[in-house]
Amino acid sequence: MVKGFTLIEYEGSKSLSRNEGFTLIELIIYSAIICVFLVGASTFAWQIIQGNIKVGAYREVEQNANFAMEKITKAIRNSSKIVEPEEPGDETDYLFLKMPDPAKTLTKFKISDGKITMSEGKMSPYPLTTDRVEVTNLKFTNLSYKDTPGTVKIEMTIEHLNPAGRSEYQALINLENSVSLRY
């Protein structure tokens, strides 16, 4: 015994050096908590991935539609005459324009195999849209008045190709524009 200190032991005290482990109930509770966390984290990650796919599909459709609309708009502005649809009020699924440039005498726009195609002069048609999208609607309406250079209304609907029918690949855009000839 050390001078001034007394060591008192109680009968019910336990040694701190005892080897304690997890009980079965604790192990089940910890496993359940970890499973809930992992399910939540994987669900969150999956939603982010699907969101990125959806944004990519919409971006693809939007870029194709904007590119095709710009090419058609530019051609109409630079043309000297609307050949088809010829009469005011006429509506067709193709557009023929007479161009001032002799090499591009007749410029044509139409749908071919789900793509908007363009041909200039005697050149063979080339696609303005990619294989990842499908053009489901293309209309040209002659809005011209007599003795005016001419105005054409363009309507198009473009969808992302989705052969499996998955919701994250569903993307669609409708564009409408009216363009007048400069000349």
Protein backbone atom coordinates (compact mmCIF):
# COMPACT_ATOMS: atom_id res chain seq x y z
CA MET A 1 0.00 0.00 0.00
CA VAL A 2 1.20 3.46 -0.90
CA LYS A 3 1.22 6.08 1.78
CA GLY A 4 -1.85 8.32 1.64
CA PHE A 5 -3.74 6.21 -0.96
CA THR A 6 -6.12 3.36 -0.34
CA LEU A 7 -7.17 0.96 -3.07
CA ILE A 8 -10.79 -0.07 -2.72
CA GLU A 9 -12.22 -2.89 -4.81
CA TYR A 10 -15.90 -3.49 -5.26
CA GLU A 11 -17.27 -6.94 -5.66
CA GLY A 12 -19.20 -6.14 -8.85
CA SER A 13 -16.37 -4.43 -10.75
CA LYS A 14 -15.12 -6.03 -13.95
CA SER A 15 -11.72 -5.92 -15.48
CA LEU A 16 -11.29 -3.50 -18.42
CA SER A 17 -8.96 -5.91 -20.15
CA ARG A 18 -11.83 -8.25 -21.05
CA ASN A 19 -11.97 -9.07 -24.83
CA GLU A 20 -15.26 -7.64 -26.09
CA GLY A 21 -16.57 -8.32 -29.64
CA PHE A 22 -19.73 -7.54 -31.60
CA THR A 23 -22.90 -9.29 -30.72
CA LEU A 24 -25.03 -10.75 -33.50
CA ILE A 25 -27.65 -8.00 -33.09
CA GLU A 26 -25.01 -5.26 -33.40
CA LEU A 27 -23.59 -6.89 -36.51
CA ILE A 28 -27.06 -7.06 -38.13
CA ILE A 29 -27.79 -3.41 -37.27
CA TYR A 30 -24.44 -2.20 -38.65
CA SER A 31 -24.92 -4.27 -41.82
CA ALA A 32 -28.42 -2.84 -42.32
CA ILE A 33 -27.14 0.74 -41.92
CA ILE A 34 -24.36 0.13 -44.44
CA CYS A 35 -26.81 -1.50 -46.91
CA VAL A 36 -29.22 1.44 -46.68
CA PHE A 37 -26.33 3.85 -47.31
CA LEU A 38 -25.05 1.84 -50.30
CA VAL A 39 -28.52 1.54 -51.86
CA GLY A 40 -29.05 5.30 -51.48
CA ALA A 41 -25.64 6.12 -52.94
CA SER A 42 -26.06 3.75 -55.90
CA THR A 43 -29.56 5.10 -56.64
CA PHE A 44 -28.20 8.65 -56.59
CA ALA A 45 -25.30 7.69 -58.88
CA TRP A 46 -27.66 5.90 -61.31
CA GLN A 47 -29.91 8.99 -61.51
CA ILE A 48 -26.89 11.15 -62.33
CA ILE A 49 -25.85 8.75 -65.10
CA GLN A 50 -29.37 8.66 -66.57
CA GLY A 51 -29.57 12.46 -66.38
CA ASN A 52 -26.31 12.78 -68.31
CA ILE A 53 -27.59 10.38 -70.97
CA LYS A 54 -30.85 12.37 -71.27
CA VAL A 55 -28.95 15.65 -71.62
CA GLY A 56 -26.67 14.11 -74.25
CA ALA A 57 -29.63 12.82 -76.27
CA TYR A 58 -31.37 16.19 -76.16
CA ARG A 59 -28.14 17.99 -77.09
CA GLU A 60 -27.69 15.70 -80.09
CA VAL A 61 -31.24 16.41 -81.30
CA GLU A 62 -30.90 20.14 -80.72
CA GLN A 63 -27.57 20.42 -82.55
CA ASN A 64 -28.89 18.47 -85.55
CA ALA A 65 -32.05 20.58 -85.72
CA ASN A 66 -30.18 23.88 -85.40
CA PHE A 67 -27.60 22.90 -88.03
CA ALA A 68 -30.26 21.80 -90.54
CA MET A 69 -32.37 24.90 -89.87
CA GLU A 70 -29.37 27.19 -90.39
CA LYS A 71 -28.42 25.52 -93.68
CA ILE A 72 -31.99 25.77 -94.99
CA THR A 73 -32.37 29.36 -93.77
CA LYS A 74 -29.11 30.45 -95.37
CA ALA A 75 -30.04 28.79 -98.67
CA ILE A 76 -33.47 30.49 -98.73
CA ARG A 77 -31.97 33.92 -98.01
CA ASN A 78 -29.37 33.51 -100.72
CA SER A 79 -31.74 32.12 -103.36
CA SER A 80 -33.26 34.12 -106.19
CA LYS A 81 -36.58 32.23 -106.43
CA ILE A 82 -38.72 29.63 -104.67
CA VAL A 83 -39.31 26.90 -107.25
CA GLU A 84 -41.31 24.48 -105.02
CA PRO A 85 -43.67 25.02 -103.22
CA GLU A 86 -44.49 27.38 -106.07
CA GLU A 87 -47.81 29.05 -105.27
CA PRO A 88 -48.51 31.08 -102.11
CA GLY A 89 -50.18 28.80 -99.56
CA ASP A 90 -48.74 25.61 -101.08
CA GLU A 91 -47.22 23.15 -98.60
CA THR A 92 -44.75 20.37 -99.49
CA ASP A 93 -42.29 18.08 -97.73
CA TYR A 94 -39.48 19.26 -100.02
CA LEU A 95 -38.05 22.63 -101.03
CA PHE A 96 -36.53 23.58 -104.39
CA LEU A 97 -34.71 26.91 -104.66
CA LYS A 98 -33.21 28.64 -107.69
CA MET A 99 -29.81 30.03 -106.79
CA PRO A 100 -27.96 32.96 -108.41
CA ASP A 101 -24.74 30.88 -108.51
CA PRO A 102 -24.73 28.85 -111.79
CA ALA A 103 -22.87 25.97 -110.07
CA LYS A 104 -25.73 25.63 -107.57
CA THR A 105 -28.54 26.28 -110.06
CA LEU A 106 -31.13 24.31 -108.13
CA THR A 107 -30.80 23.61 -104.41
CA LYS A 108 -33.07 20.92 -102.94
CA PHE A 109 -34.00 19.95 -99.37
CA LYS A 110 -36.04 16.86 -98.47
CA ILE A 111 -36.28 13.89 -96.11
CA SER A 112 -34.53 10.72 -97.21
CA ASP A 113 -34.28 7.67 -94.90
CA GLY A 114 -35.16 9.78 -91.85
CA LYS A 115 -32.49 12.40 -92.61
CA ILE A 116 -32.73 15.89 -94.04
CA THR A 117 -30.73 15.91 -97.27
CA MET A 118 -29.45 18.79 -99.36
CA SER A 119 -28.29 18.80 -102.96
CA GLU A 120 -26.85 21.71 -104.90
CA GLY A 121 -26.84 21.81 -108.68
CA LYS A 122 -25.93 18.42 -110.11
CA MET A 123 -24.28 17.20 -106.90
CA SER A 124 -25.72 14.12 -105.26
CA PRO A 125 -27.68 14.72 -102.04
CA TYR A 126 -25.83 14.68 -98.73
CA PRO A 127 -27.34 14.42 -95.23
CA LEU A 128 -27.59 17.42 -92.91
CA THR A 129 -28.52 15.28 -89.91
CA THR A 130 -26.65 12.39 -88.30
CA ASP A 131 -27.50 8.71 -87.89
CA ARG A 132 -28.38 9.25 -84.20
CA VAL A 133 -31.52 11.22 -84.99
CA GLU A 134 -34.58 10.76 -87.15
CA VAL A 135 -36.49 13.52 -88.90
CA THR A 136 -40.18 12.71 -88.48
CA ASN A 137 -41.62 15.89 -89.98
CA LEU A 138 -40.38 18.41 -92.55
CA LYS A 139 -42.77 20.91 -94.13
CA PHE A 140 -42.23 23.93 -96.31
CA THR A 141 -45.04 26.41 -96.83
CA ASN A 142 -44.87 29.23 -99.36
CA LEU A 143 -46.03 32.38 -97.52
CA SER A 144 -45.20 34.78 -100.37
CA TYR A 145 -47.40 37.56 -101.64
CA LYS A 146 -47.58 38.44 -105.34
CA ASP A 147 -44.71 40.64 -106.54
CA THR A 148 -42.55 40.01 -103.43
CA PRO A 149 -39.19 38.20 -103.26
CA GLY A 150 -40.81 35.32 -101.34
CA THR A 151 -41.15 33.88 -97.86
CA VAL A 152 -41.00 30.24 -96.78
CA LYS A 153 -42.21 28.77 -93.50
CA ILE A 154 -40.13 25.81 -92.32
CA GLU A 155 -41.42 23.24 -89.83
CA MET A 156 -39.37 20.28 -88.63
CA THR A 157 -39.55 17.63 -85.94
CA ILE A 158 -36.44 15.69 -85.02
CA GLU A 159 -36.23 12.81 -82.53
CA HIS A 160 -33.32 10.91 -81.02
CA LEU A 161 -33.20 7.31 -82.25
CA ASN A 162 -34.32 5.03 -79.45
CA PRO A 163 -34.73 1.45 -80.72
CA ALA A 164 -34.82 -0.02 -77.19
CA GLY A 165 -37.49 2.44 -76.03
CA ARG A 166 -35.46 3.55 -73.00
CA SER A 167 -36.78 6.74 -71.40
CA GLU A 168 -33.37 8.36 -70.99
CA TYR A 169 -32.91 8.36 -74.78
CA GLN A 170 -36.24 10.04 -75.52
CA ALA A 171 -35.60 13.50 -76.92
CA LEU A 172 -37.64 15.46 -79.42
CA ILE A 173 -37.52 18.99 -80.77
CA ASN A 174 -39.95 20.94 -82.94
CA LEU A 175 -38.62 23.96 -84.81
CA GLU A 176 -40.52 26.48 -86.85
CA ASN A 177 -39.12 29.46 -88.77
CA SER A 178 -40.12 31.83 -91.55
CA VAL A 179 -37.47 33.11 -93.91
CA SER A 180 -37.62 35.68 -96.69
CA LEU A 181 -35.45 35.83 -99.80
CA ARG A 182 -33.01 38.74 -99.93
CA TYR A 183 -33.23 39.34 -103.68
